[in-house]
C-alpha cells in the first residue's frame, strides 16, 4: 500500500500531466507563449495538489486528535490551522513549536471551549473552560474590543510570550497580531492566568462561568500546566461568534498553502 507521501506525489504528477496536456499548443505558437501557458498550468496543478493535501491533512488531524467528540467544530479548527500556517509563512510562528491553541467564543461559557492541540502528534493536550471579559457578555460572549479599559475580550490570532508571576500566580504574556482586534493586548495586560471563578462549581451556582477583565482566564488547577506548555511563541486563535464581523488576512488560504507544503516536504516533490 502506498504511503500518503507517495500518494501525494502521484496526485501531483497526474494533475500536472492533465493540465499541461489539456490544451495542446500549436507548433506555430510563440515559444514564449508556450512557456507561459505551461508555467501557468503547472502553477495551477501545484496549487490544486497543495489544496487537496492541506484539506486531507486538516481532516486527518481533526479526526485523529479526537476533536470530533470534543465540541470544536471543523470549520473553526480549519480557520485556526489556516492562520497557523499563515503565521509561519510570515515568519511570525516557528514550525519547531507545532502547538495550536483554539478558543471558541461562539460557545457557551458553561462549556469547555479552549483546546491546546499538538499538531505534530495529532492529539489534544488540554480541553478546558476559559473565561471571557465581564463586558463581553453573560453566558455567551457577544461584544469584543481592542480598547484599553473596555474589560472586553479580544479576538483573532496571538503569539504567546514569556511568563511572569503576578497577582494570579503564573501568568503568560500575549502578543496580539491584529491591529483591528487584539494588538493592544500587551498594554491592556490581557494575559493567560488562572482564576478561581473558572470552575464547574461557579457554573452550577450562577448558570455561567465567572468573567475576567478581558483575559482568557483558566481553571487554577490547569493554568500552570497549560501556560508552561504553550509559552514562548506558540499560536492562539480566539474565534468570534458569527454575528461579529471578523475578517483577517491570516485566513487567506494561498500563503498558508505555501507554508504547509514547505513544512510537510511537499514543495520538493
Protein backbone atom coordinates (compact mmCIF):
# COMPACT_ATOMS: atom_id res chain seq x y z
CA UNK A 1 0.00 0.00 0.00
CA UNK A 2 1.48 3.40 -0.97
CA UNK A 3 2.38 5.85 1.77
CA UNK A 4 0.49 9.19 1.99
CA UNK A 5 3.59 11.00 0.68
CA UNK A 6 3.81 8.64 -2.30
CA UNK A 7 0.09 9.09 -2.96
CA UNK A 8 0.52 12.87 -2.87
CA UNK A 9 3.42 12.67 -5.33
CA UNK A 10 1.31 10.58 -7.67
CA UNK A 11 -1.53 13.06 -7.39
CA UNK A 12 0.76 15.95 -8.28
CA UNK A 13 2.22 14.19 -11.31
CA UNK A 14 -1.25 13.28 -12.53
CA UNK A 15 -2.52 16.84 -12.09
CA UNK A 16 0.48 18.28 -13.90
CA UNK A 17 0.07 15.83 -16.75
CA UNK A 18 -3.63 16.57 -17.16
CA UNK A 19 -3.28 20.33 -17.08
CA UNK A 20 -0.26 20.56 -19.34
CA UNK A 21 -1.86 18.34 -21.98
CA UNK A 22 -5.43 19.65 -21.70
CA UNK A 23 -4.82 22.47 -24.19
CA UNK A 24 -2.26 21.37 -26.82
CA UNK A 25 -0.13 24.15 -28.19
CA UNK A 26 0.39 24.50 -31.92
CA UNK A 27 3.92 24.21 -33.25
CA UNK A 28 3.48 27.65 -34.80
CA UNK A 29 2.76 29.31 -31.45
CA UNK A 30 5.29 31.71 -29.97
CA UNK A 31 7.80 29.79 -27.75
CA UNK A 32 7.43 32.39 -25.00
CA UNK A 33 3.64 31.98 -25.05
CA UNK A 34 4.10 28.22 -24.86
CA UNK A 35 6.36 28.57 -21.84
CA UNK A 36 3.92 30.95 -20.17
CA UNK A 37 0.98 28.61 -20.73
CA UNK A 38 2.95 25.65 -19.39
CA UNK A 39 4.11 27.60 -16.32
CA UNK A 40 0.55 28.74 -15.61
CA UNK A 41 -0.76 25.20 -15.95
CA UNK A 42 1.97 23.86 -13.67
CA UNK A 43 1.22 26.52 -11.06
CA UNK A 44 -2.49 25.70 -11.17
CA UNK A 45 -1.78 21.99 -10.80
CA UNK A 46 0.59 22.64 -7.91
CA UNK A 47 -1.99 24.78 -6.12
CA UNK A 48 -4.67 22.12 -6.62
CA UNK A 49 -2.34 19.49 -5.23
CA UNK A 50 -1.36 21.58 -2.20
CA UNK A 51 -5.01 22.39 -1.52
CA UNK A 52 -6.04 18.74 -1.65
CA UNK A 53 -3.12 17.76 0.57
CA UNK A 54 -3.93 20.50 3.09
CA UNK A 55 -7.61 19.57 3.30
CA UNK A 56 -6.72 15.90 3.76
CA UNK A 57 -4.16 16.75 6.44
CA UNK A 58 -6.64 19.02 8.21
CA UNK A 59 -9.34 16.34 8.27
CA UNK A 60 -6.88 13.68 9.42
CA UNK A 61 -5.60 15.86 12.26
CA UNK A 62 -9.16 16.75 13.28
CA UNK A 63 -10.29 13.14 13.47
CA UNK A 64 -7.14 11.58 14.91
CA UNK A 65 -6.91 14.25 17.61
CA UNK A 66 -10.41 13.36 18.81
CA UNK A 67 -11.70 16.86 18.12
CA UNK A 68 -14.89 15.44 16.61
CA UNK A 69 -16.12 14.44 20.06
CA UNK A 70 -14.73 17.47 21.91
CA UNK A 71 -17.11 20.13 20.61
CA UNK A 72 -14.65 22.06 18.41
CA UNK A 73 -16.30 22.48 15.02
CA UNK A 74 -14.40 21.52 11.89
CA UNK A 75 -14.82 24.99 10.39
CA UNK A 76 -13.29 26.72 13.43
CA UNK A 77 -10.39 24.28 13.50
CA UNK A 78 -9.79 24.86 9.80
CA UNK A 79 -9.67 28.64 10.32
CA UNK A 80 -7.19 28.20 13.14
CA UNK A 81 -4.98 25.91 11.04
CA UNK A 82 -5.02 28.27 8.05
CA UNK A 83 -3.95 31.08 10.37
CA UNK A 84 -1.26 28.91 11.93
CA UNK A 85 0.37 28.31 8.54
CA UNK A 86 -0.06 31.96 7.53
CA UNK A 87 1.91 32.96 10.61
CA UNK A 88 4.63 30.51 9.63
CA UNK A 89 4.73 31.92 6.11
CA UNK A 90 5.23 35.43 7.51
CA UNK A 91 7.97 34.26 9.83
CA UNK A 92 5.94 35.03 12.94
CA UNK A 93 5.47 31.46 14.17
CA UNK A 94 8.05 28.72 14.24
CA UNK A 95 7.48 25.24 12.82
CA UNK A 96 9.59 23.92 15.70
CA UNK A 97 6.74 24.63 18.15
CA UNK A 98 3.78 22.85 16.50
CA UNK A 99 1.17 23.82 19.11
CA UNK A 100 -2.14 25.47 18.32
CA UNK A 101 -4.48 26.83 20.99
CA UNK A 102 -8.07 27.49 19.93
CA UNK A 103 -10.63 29.45 21.93
CA UNK A 104 -14.13 29.28 20.52
CA UNK A 105 -16.05 32.26 21.88
CA UNK A 106 -19.14 31.20 19.93
CA UNK A 107 -19.75 28.51 22.56
CA UNK A 108 -21.43 28.96 25.92
CA UNK A 109 -19.09 29.77 28.79
CA UNK A 110 -20.62 26.77 30.56
CA UNK A 111 -18.81 24.52 28.07
CA UNK A 112 -15.18 23.65 27.57
CA UNK A 113 -14.16 25.97 24.76
CA UNK A 114 -10.36 26.04 24.85
CA UNK A 115 -8.21 23.39 23.19
CA UNK A 116 -4.43 23.02 23.09
CA UNK A 117 -3.54 20.81 20.14
CA UNK A 118 -0.20 19.18 19.37
CA UNK A 119 -0.28 19.28 15.57
CA UNK A 120 2.77 17.05 15.15
CA UNK A 121 1.47 14.26 17.38
CA UNK A 122 -2.14 14.96 16.35
CA UNK A 123 -3.58 14.94 19.84
CA UNK A 124 -5.35 17.30 22.21
CA UNK A 125 -3.19 18.16 25.19
CA UNK A 126 -5.83 20.19 27.06
CA UNK A 127 -9.54 20.91 26.67
CA UNK A 128 -10.99 23.14 29.34
CA UNK A 129 -13.11 26.09 30.41
CA UNK A 130 -11.96 29.63 29.64
CA UNK A 131 -13.45 32.93 30.78
CA UNK A 132 -14.33 35.99 28.72
CA UNK A 133 -14.41 39.62 29.81
CA UNK A 134 -17.16 40.96 32.07
CA UNK A 135 -18.29 43.47 29.41
CA UNK A 136 -18.19 40.86 26.67
CA UNK A 137 -21.36 39.13 27.80
CA UNK A 138 -23.02 36.95 30.41
CA UNK A 139 -23.14 33.26 29.48
CA UNK A 140 -22.26 33.98 25.86
CA UNK A 141 -19.55 36.25 24.50
CA UNK A 142 -21.10 38.92 22.31
CA UNK A 143 -19.03 42.13 22.38
CA UNK A 144 -15.28 42.37 21.83
CA UNK A 145 -12.79 45.21 21.97
CA UNK A 146 -9.16 46.18 21.47
CA UNK A 147 -9.56 49.30 23.62
CA UNK A 148 -7.87 49.92 26.96
CA UNK A 149 -10.29 49.88 29.87
CA UNK A 150 -13.06 48.12 27.95
CA UNK A 151 -12.89 44.96 30.09
CA UNK A 152 -13.87 43.03 26.99
CA UNK A 153 -12.21 40.04 25.37
CA UNK A 154 -10.34 40.37 22.08
CA UNK A 155 -10.49 38.03 19.11
CA UNK A 156 -8.08 36.90 16.41
CA UNK A 157 -4.55 35.49 16.32
CA UNK A 158 -1.92 35.85 19.02
CA UNK A 159 1.57 34.60 19.75
CA UNK A 160 2.42 33.57 23.27
CA UNK A 161 5.26 35.33 25.04
CA UNK A 162 7.12 34.97 28.31
CA UNK A 163 5.74 34.04 31.70
CA UNK A 164 5.77 36.04 34.92
CA UNK A 165 4.33 35.70 38.39
CA UNK A 166 1.62 38.23 39.22
CA UNK A 167 -1.43 38.56 41.44
CA UNK A 168 -2.96 35.50 39.75
CA UNK A 169 0.22 33.45 40.07
CA UNK A 170 1.99 32.16 36.98
CA UNK A 171 0.76 34.18 34.00
CA UNK A 172 1.55 34.32 30.29
CA UNK A 173 2.01 37.44 28.19
CA UNK A 174 0.33 37.62 24.79
CA UNK A 175 1.26 39.42 21.59
CA UNK A 176 -1.84 40.40 19.65
CA UNK A 177 -1.14 40.33 15.93
CA UNK A 178 -4.19 42.11 14.52
CA UNK A 179 -4.48 45.92 14.71
CA UNK A 180 -8.26 45.94 14.43
CA UNK A 181 -8.86 43.27 17.03
CA UNK A 182 -6.15 42.50 19.58
CA UNK A 183 -2.96 44.49 19.02
CA UNK A 184 -3.35 46.27 22.39
CA UNK A 185 -3.21 43.03 24.36
CA UNK A 186 0.10 43.95 26.00
CA UNK A 187 -0.89 47.49 27.00
CA UNK A 188 -4.24 46.19 28.27
CA UNK A 189 -2.46 43.48 30.30
CA UNK A 190 -4.52 40.79 28.57
CA UNK A 191 -2.71 37.64 29.67
CA UNK A 192 -3.41 33.97 30.31
CA UNK A 193 -3.77 33.24 34.02
CA UNK A 194 -5.69 31.08 36.46
CA UNK A 195 -8.78 32.32 38.34
CA UNK A 196 -10.98 30.73 41.00
CA UNK A 197 -14.15 31.76 39.16
CA UNK A 198 -13.25 29.47 36.26
CA UNK A 199 -14.68 26.19 37.54
CA UNK A 200 -17.68 23.89 37.29
CA UNK A 201 -18.88 24.92 40.77
CA UNK A 202 -19.25 28.53 39.64
CA UNK A 203 -21.21 27.38 36.60
CA UNK A 204 -23.58 25.31 38.76
CA UNK A 205 -24.16 28.21 41.15
CA UNK A 206 -24.54 31.03 38.61
CA UNK A 207 -25.57 29.38 35.36
CA UNK A 208 -22.48 30.71 33.63
CA UNK A 209 -18.75 30.92 34.09
CA UNK A 210 -17.11 33.74 36.02
CA UNK A 211 -15.74 36.61 33.96
CA UNK A 212 -12.41 38.38 33.75
CA UNK A 213 -11.33 41.91 32.86
CA UNK A 214 -10.65 40.71 29.32
CA UNK A 215 -8.12 37.95 29.97
CA UNK A 216 -8.61 34.35 28.83
CA UNK A 217 -8.63 33.06 32.41
CA UNK A 218 -8.29 29.32 33.08
CA UNK A 219 -9.06 26.89 35.92
CA UNK A 220 -6.30 27.25 38.54
CA UNK A 221 -5.63 23.52 38.58
CA UNK A 222 -4.74 23.55 34.87
CA UNK A 223 -3.44 27.07 34.31
CA UNK A 224 0.17 26.36 35.24
CA UNK A 225 0.49 23.28 33.05
CA UNK A 226 -1.18 24.98 30.08
CA UNK A 227 0.94 28.13 30.41
CA UNK A 228 4.19 26.17 30.62
CA UNK A 229 3.17 24.13 27.58
CA UNK A 230 2.19 26.96 25.23
CA UNK A 231 4.62 29.71 26.29
CA UNK A 232 7.35 31.01 24.01
CA UNK A 233 5.92 31.61 20.56
CA UNK A 234 3.02 29.23 20.00
CA UNK A 235 -0.17 30.33 18.22
CA UNK A 236 -3.51 31.15 19.84
CA UNK A 237 -6.68 31.73 17.81
CA UNK A 238 -9.69 33.29 19.54
CA UNK A 239 -12.69 32.65 17.31
CA UNK A 240 -15.57 35.11 17.32
CA UNK A 241 -19.31 34.31 17.12
CA UNK A 242 -20.87 34.50 13.65
CA UNK A 243 -22.61 37.81 14.48
CA UNK A 244 -19.23 39.54 14.90
CA UNK A 245 -17.72 40.99 11.74
CA UNK A 246 -14.24 39.48 11.86
CA UNK A 247 -12.07 39.47 8.77
CA UNK A 248 -8.36 38.73 8.72
CA UNK A 249 -5.54 38.38 6.22
CA UNK A 250 -4.39 35.43 8.32
CA UNK A 251 -7.35 33.47 6.95
CA UNK A 252 -6.13 33.70 3.34
CA UNK A 253 -5.53 30.20 2.02
CA UNK A 254 -2.83 30.70 -0.63
CA UNK A 255 0.04 31.82 1.65
CA UNK A 256 -0.98 29.15 4.15
CA UNK A 257 -0.65 26.51 1.43
CA UNK A 258 2.91 27.63 0.69
CA UNK A 259 3.97 27.21 4.32
CA UNK A 260 2.08 23.94 4.65
CA UNK A 261 3.77 22.48 1.57
CA UNK A 262 7.18 23.53 2.83
CA UNK A 263 6.77 22.12 6.34
CA UNK A 264 5.35 18.86 5.00
CA UNK A 265 8.13 18.46 2.46
CA UNK A 266 5.67 18.64 -0.45
CA UNK A 267 7.38 21.60 -2.11
CA UNK A 268 10.28 19.28 -3.03
CA UNK A 269 8.07 16.88 -4.97
